[in-house]
Protein backbone atom coordinates (compact mmCIF):
# COMPACT_ATOMS: atom_id res chain seq x y z
CA MET A 1 -9.51 -16.47 9.69
CA ASP A 2 -12.24 -14.83 11.69
CA GLN A 3 -12.50 -11.63 9.74
CA GLN A 4 -11.08 -10.35 6.52
CA ARG A 5 -9.03 -7.16 6.35
CA ILE A 6 -10.73 -4.16 4.87
CA ILE A 7 -8.88 -2.01 2.31
CA GLU A 8 -9.63 1.70 2.30
CA PHE A 9 -8.36 4.45 0.07
CA TYR A 10 -7.32 7.75 1.60
CA LYS A 11 -8.28 10.52 -0.76
CA LYS A 12 -7.58 9.74 -4.44
CA TYR A 13 -3.88 8.99 -4.26
CA PHE A 14 -4.16 5.21 -5.09
CA ILE A 15 -7.22 5.35 -7.31
CA GLU A 16 -5.59 7.86 -9.68
CA PHE A 17 -2.45 5.77 -9.79
CA TYR A 18 -4.34 2.49 -10.33
CA LEU A 19 -6.51 3.84 -13.12
CA ASP A 20 -3.39 4.89 -15.10
CA LEU A 21 -1.84 1.37 -14.84
CA PRO A 22 -1.99 -1.21 -17.67
CA ALA A 23 -4.76 -3.77 -17.26
CA GLN A 24 -2.24 -6.55 -16.56
CA VAL A 25 -0.79 -4.58 -13.61
CA GLN A 26 -4.29 -3.75 -12.35
CA LEU A 27 -5.04 -7.51 -12.24
CA LYS A 28 -1.81 -8.11 -10.26
CA TYR A 29 -2.86 -5.47 -7.74
CA ASP A 30 -6.31 -7.07 -7.52
CA HIS A 31 -4.70 -10.41 -6.75
CA VAL A 32 -2.43 -8.88 -4.07
CA PHE A 33 -5.45 -7.21 -2.47
CA VAL A 34 -7.24 -10.55 -2.22
CA VAL A 35 -4.20 -12.01 -0.49
CA ILE A 36 -4.01 -9.02 1.89
CA LYS A 37 -7.70 -9.31 2.69
CA GLN A 38 -7.80 -13.01 3.29
CA ALA A 39 -4.39 -14.30 4.45
CA ASP A 40 -3.82 -14.79 8.24
CA LYS A 41 -0.17 -13.84 7.69
CA ILE A 42 0.51 -11.77 4.54
CA PRO A 43 3.55 -12.98 2.69
CA ILE A 44 6.47 -10.51 2.73
CA LYS A 45 6.55 -10.82 -1.02
CA PHE A 46 3.33 -8.73 -1.03
CA PHE A 47 3.42 -6.69 2.20
CA LYS A 48 6.36 -5.37 4.15
CA LYS A 49 6.86 -2.94 7.04
CA LEU A 50 9.20 -0.08 6.17
CA THR A 51 12.26 -0.08 8.49
CA GLY A 52 12.57 2.89 10.77
CA THR A 53 8.79 3.80 10.60
CA LYS A 54 6.13 3.39 13.22
CA ASN A 55 3.28 1.96 11.19
CA LEU A 56 4.12 2.42 7.50
CA TYR A 57 4.06 -0.56 5.15
CA GLU A 58 4.47 -1.10 1.41
CA ILE A 59 2.27 -3.24 -0.76
CA ARG A 60 4.54 -4.87 -3.37
CA VAL A 61 3.43 -5.73 -6.85
CA GLU A 62 5.55 -7.06 -9.71
CA SER A 63 4.51 -7.45 -13.28
CA ASN A 64 7.01 -8.62 -15.90
CA SER A 65 10.13 -6.71 -14.98
CA ASN A 66 8.30 -3.79 -13.46
CA ILE A 67 7.96 -3.16 -9.76
CA TYR A 68 5.16 -1.08 -8.12
CA ARG A 69 4.79 0.02 -4.49
CA THR A 70 1.87 1.41 -2.58
CA PHE A 71 2.38 2.78 0.91
CA CYS A 72 -0.20 2.03 3.50
CA SER A 73 -0.97 1.93 7.21
CA LEU A 74 -2.39 -0.97 9.27
CA GLU A 75 -5.16 0.38 11.43
CA PRO A 76 -7.23 -1.11 14.24
CA ASP A 77 -10.11 -3.40 13.25
CA ARG A 78 -8.06 -4.99 10.43
CA ILE A 79 -8.17 -1.89 8.19
CA VAL A 80 -5.52 -1.27 5.60
CA VAL A 81 -5.45 2.38 4.49
CA LEU A 82 -3.75 3.14 1.12
CA PHE A 83 -1.69 6.21 0.55
CA ASN A 84 0.66 7.07 -2.41
CA SER A 85 2.01 4.70 -5.03
CA PHE A 86 4.82 4.70 -7.56
CA GLN A 87 6.61 2.55 -10.01
CA LYS A 88 9.95 1.62 -8.63
CA LYS A 89 12.85 2.32 -11.07
CA SER A 90 15.83 1.40 -8.84
CA ASN A 91 16.68 -1.00 -6.04
CA LYS A 92 16.21 1.54 -3.27
CA THR A 93 12.78 3.13 -2.54
CA PRO A 94 13.08 6.80 -3.18
CA LYS A 95 13.30 8.84 0.02
CA SER A 96 10.99 11.48 -1.54
CA GLU A 97 8.26 8.85 -1.88
CA VAL A 98 8.73 7.68 1.72
CA LYS A 99 8.58 11.28 2.95
CA LYS A 100 5.38 11.90 0.98
CA ALA A 101 3.88 8.71 2.45
CA LEU A 102 4.71 9.73 6.00
CA GLU A 103 3.19 13.17 5.41
CA ILE A 104 -0.02 11.62 4.04
CA GLN A 105 -0.12 9.21 6.96
CA LYS A 106 0.30 12.05 9.47
CA GLU A 107 -2.53 13.98 7.71
CA TYR A 108 -4.76 10.82 7.70
CA HIS A 109 -4.28 10.33 11.44
CA ALA A 110 -4.82 14.03 12.23
CA LYS A 111 -8.15 14.02 10.37
CA ARG A 112 -9.19 10.71 11.93
CA GLU A 113 -8.59 12.01 15.45
CA LYS A 114 -10.96 15.00 14.93
């Protein structure tokens, strides 16, 4: 690969979530971030586009029987911008979390364009 992806945090959404996670889950996130930064093609196991959205993706982390998701956006120059995160409790991603991510993404792009 010519260039690694860069992971950026928009506001404190992800950092606050991450710091509250058990150390074992933080290590899983760290591993997934290495894959996202370095892989030419990120495996769908770790990174998937949300159906019906323009540029919203979810980072997927599993630890034991727990599932975690972090919404993000792929930006030009190989930048991945992280938004909100949550622990998934059911098979379907809660619509409220997707709505929140889309609002944060819209805010991020509005601020970036100024």
